[in-house]
N, C-alpha and C. Protein backbone atom coordinates (compact mmCIF):
# COMPACT_ATOMS: atom_id res chain seq x y z
N MET A 1 17.19 27.17 47.11
CA MET A 1 18.41 27.05 46.31
C MET A 1 19.50 27.95 46.88
N PRO A 2 20.69 27.39 47.07
CA PRO A 2 21.78 28.21 47.59
C PRO A 2 22.20 29.32 46.64
N GLY A 3 22.08 29.09 45.34
CA GLY A 3 22.46 30.12 44.37
C GLY A 3 21.62 31.37 44.49
N LEU A 4 20.32 31.20 44.65
CA LEU A 4 19.43 32.36 44.80
C LEU A 4 19.70 33.09 46.11
N ALA A 5 20.00 32.34 47.16
CA ALA A 5 20.29 32.98 48.45
C ALA A 5 21.56 33.82 48.35
N SER A 6 22.57 33.30 47.66
CA SER A 6 23.82 34.07 47.55
C SER A 6 23.63 35.30 46.67
N ILE A 7 22.79 35.19 45.65
CA ILE A 7 22.49 36.35 44.80
C ILE A 7 21.73 37.40 45.61
N ALA A 8 20.75 36.95 46.40
CA ALA A 8 19.99 37.89 47.24
C ALA A 8 20.90 38.56 48.25
N GLU A 9 21.82 37.81 48.83
CA GLU A 9 22.76 38.38 49.81
C GLU A 9 23.69 39.38 49.13
N ALA A 10 24.16 39.08 47.93
CA ALA A 10 25.02 40.01 47.19
C ALA A 10 24.27 41.30 46.86
N GLU A 11 23.00 41.18 46.48
CA GLU A 11 22.19 42.38 46.19
C GLU A 11 21.97 43.19 47.46
N ARG A 12 21.71 42.50 48.58
CA ARG A 12 21.51 43.20 49.85
C ARG A 12 22.79 43.95 50.24
N GLN A 13 23.93 43.29 50.07
CA GLN A 13 25.21 43.91 50.40
C GLN A 13 25.48 45.12 49.49
N ALA A 14 25.17 44.99 48.21
CA ALA A 14 25.37 46.11 47.27
C ALA A 14 24.49 47.29 47.65
N ARG A 15 23.24 47.03 48.04
CA ARG A 15 22.34 48.11 48.48
C ARG A 15 22.87 48.77 49.74
N ALA A 16 23.36 47.96 50.68
CA ALA A 16 23.90 48.51 51.93
C ALA A 16 25.11 49.40 51.66
N GLU A 17 25.99 48.96 50.75
CA GLU A 17 27.17 49.76 50.40
C GLU A 17 26.76 51.06 49.71
N LYS A 18 25.78 50.98 48.82
CA LYS A 18 25.30 52.18 48.13
C LYS A 18 24.71 53.16 49.14
N ASN A 19 23.90 52.66 50.08
CA ASN A 19 23.31 53.54 51.09
C ASN A 19 24.38 54.18 51.97
N ALA A 20 25.43 53.43 52.28
CA ALA A 20 26.53 53.99 53.08
C ALA A 20 27.23 55.10 52.31
N ARG A 21 27.45 54.90 51.01
CA ARG A 21 28.08 55.96 50.19
C ARG A 21 27.17 57.19 50.11
N LEU A 22 25.86 56.98 50.00
CA LEU A 22 24.93 58.12 49.97
C LEU A 22 24.95 58.88 51.29
N ARG A 23 25.02 58.17 52.42
CA ARG A 23 25.11 58.84 53.72
C ARG A 23 26.39 59.66 53.80
N ASP A 24 27.51 59.09 53.33
CA ASP A 24 28.77 59.84 53.32
C ASP A 24 28.66 61.09 52.45
N LEU A 25 28.05 60.95 51.29
CA LEU A 25 27.89 62.09 50.38
C LEU A 25 27.04 63.17 51.03
N ARG A 26 25.94 62.78 51.68
CA ARG A 26 25.09 63.76 52.36
C ARG A 26 25.87 64.48 53.46
N MET A 27 26.71 63.73 54.19
CA MET A 27 27.51 64.35 55.25
C MET A 27 28.46 65.39 54.65
N HIS A 28 29.13 65.03 53.56
CA HIS A 28 30.09 65.96 52.95
C HIS A 28 29.38 67.17 52.35
N THR A 29 28.23 66.97 51.73
CA THR A 29 27.54 68.11 51.13
C THR A 29 26.97 69.03 52.20
N SER A 30 26.74 68.53 53.40
CA SER A 30 26.24 69.40 54.47
C SER A 30 27.28 70.43 54.87
N TRP A 31 28.56 70.20 54.53
CA TRP A 31 29.61 71.16 54.84
C TRP A 31 29.61 72.34 53.88
N LEU A 32 28.97 72.19 52.74
CA LEU A 32 28.97 73.26 51.75
C LEU A 32 28.15 74.45 52.25
N VAL A 33 28.62 75.64 51.96
CA VAL A 33 27.95 76.86 52.39
C VAL A 33 27.58 77.67 51.16
N LEU A 34 26.37 78.18 51.14
CA LEU A 34 25.91 78.99 50.02
C LEU A 34 26.65 80.32 50.01
N ASP A 35 27.23 80.64 48.89
CA ASP A 35 27.90 81.92 48.70
C ASP A 35 27.10 82.69 47.66
N PRO A 36 26.35 83.72 48.06
CA PRO A 36 25.51 84.44 47.11
C PRO A 36 26.31 85.17 46.03
N ASN A 37 27.61 85.37 46.23
CA ASN A 37 28.44 86.05 45.24
C ASN A 37 29.19 85.09 44.33
N ALA A 38 29.01 83.80 44.53
CA ALA A 38 29.76 82.81 43.74
C ALA A 38 29.21 82.73 42.32
N LEU A 39 30.12 82.53 41.38
CA LEU A 39 29.72 82.30 40.00
C LEU A 39 29.66 80.80 39.78
N PHE A 40 28.49 80.30 39.42
CA PHE A 40 28.33 78.87 39.23
C PHE A 40 28.39 78.51 37.76
N LEU A 41 29.09 77.44 37.48
CA LEU A 41 29.17 76.89 36.13
C LEU A 41 28.35 75.61 36.09
N ASP A 42 28.26 75.00 34.93
CA ASP A 42 27.52 73.75 34.82
C ASP A 42 28.15 72.64 35.65
N GLU A 43 29.46 72.70 35.84
CA GLU A 43 30.18 71.69 36.59
C GLU A 43 30.90 72.33 37.75
N ILE A 44 30.84 71.72 38.91
CA ILE A 44 31.56 72.22 40.07
C ILE A 44 32.55 71.13 40.49
N ASP A 45 33.83 71.47 40.51
CA ASP A 45 34.87 70.52 40.90
C ASP A 45 35.04 70.55 42.41
N CYS A 46 34.67 69.47 43.07
CA CYS A 46 34.77 69.39 44.52
C CYS A 46 35.99 68.60 44.97
N SER A 47 36.92 68.32 44.07
CA SER A 47 38.07 67.49 44.42
C SER A 47 38.91 68.13 45.52
N ALA A 48 39.01 69.44 45.55
CA ALA A 48 39.79 70.10 46.60
C ALA A 48 39.13 69.88 47.96
N LEU A 49 37.83 69.90 48.01
CA LEU A 49 37.11 69.66 49.26
C LEU A 49 37.41 68.27 49.78
N PHE A 50 37.30 67.28 48.91
CA PHE A 50 37.51 65.90 49.33
C PHE A 50 38.98 65.61 49.59
N GLY A 51 39.87 66.35 48.95
CA GLY A 51 41.29 66.13 49.15
C GLY A 51 41.75 66.50 50.54
N GLU A 52 40.99 67.34 51.25
CA GLU A 52 41.40 67.79 52.58
C GLU A 52 40.75 66.99 53.70
N VAL A 53 39.95 65.99 53.39
CA VAL A 53 39.28 65.20 54.41
C VAL A 53 40.18 64.02 54.76
N PRO A 54 40.74 63.99 55.99
CA PRO A 54 41.63 62.88 56.34
C PRO A 54 40.85 61.57 56.45
N GLY A 55 41.43 60.52 55.93
CA GLY A 55 40.81 59.21 56.02
C GLY A 55 39.75 58.93 54.99
N LEU A 56 39.45 59.89 54.12
CA LEU A 56 38.43 59.68 53.10
C LEU A 56 39.02 58.91 51.94
N LYS A 57 38.37 57.83 51.57
CA LYS A 57 38.83 57.02 50.45
C LYS A 57 37.81 57.17 49.33
N ILE A 58 38.24 57.74 48.20
CA ILE A 58 37.35 57.92 47.06
C ILE A 58 37.57 56.77 46.10
N VAL A 59 36.50 56.04 45.84
CA VAL A 59 36.56 54.89 44.95
C VAL A 59 35.93 55.28 43.63
N GLY A 60 36.66 55.09 42.53
CA GLY A 60 36.17 55.51 41.23
C GLY A 60 35.47 54.49 40.45
């Protein structure tokens, strides 16, 4: 059935896009450096980090 094939292809494409986003996230988090003197809160705002990366497109 062509309908099932297109659904399977859409799911494969969605998985590929998700994996690409995870690879990008891993790359960006590898830039983070542990600061033993930093005060950590429950939430860490990384928007400044991503704002300085040229060509980075953040999709919400």
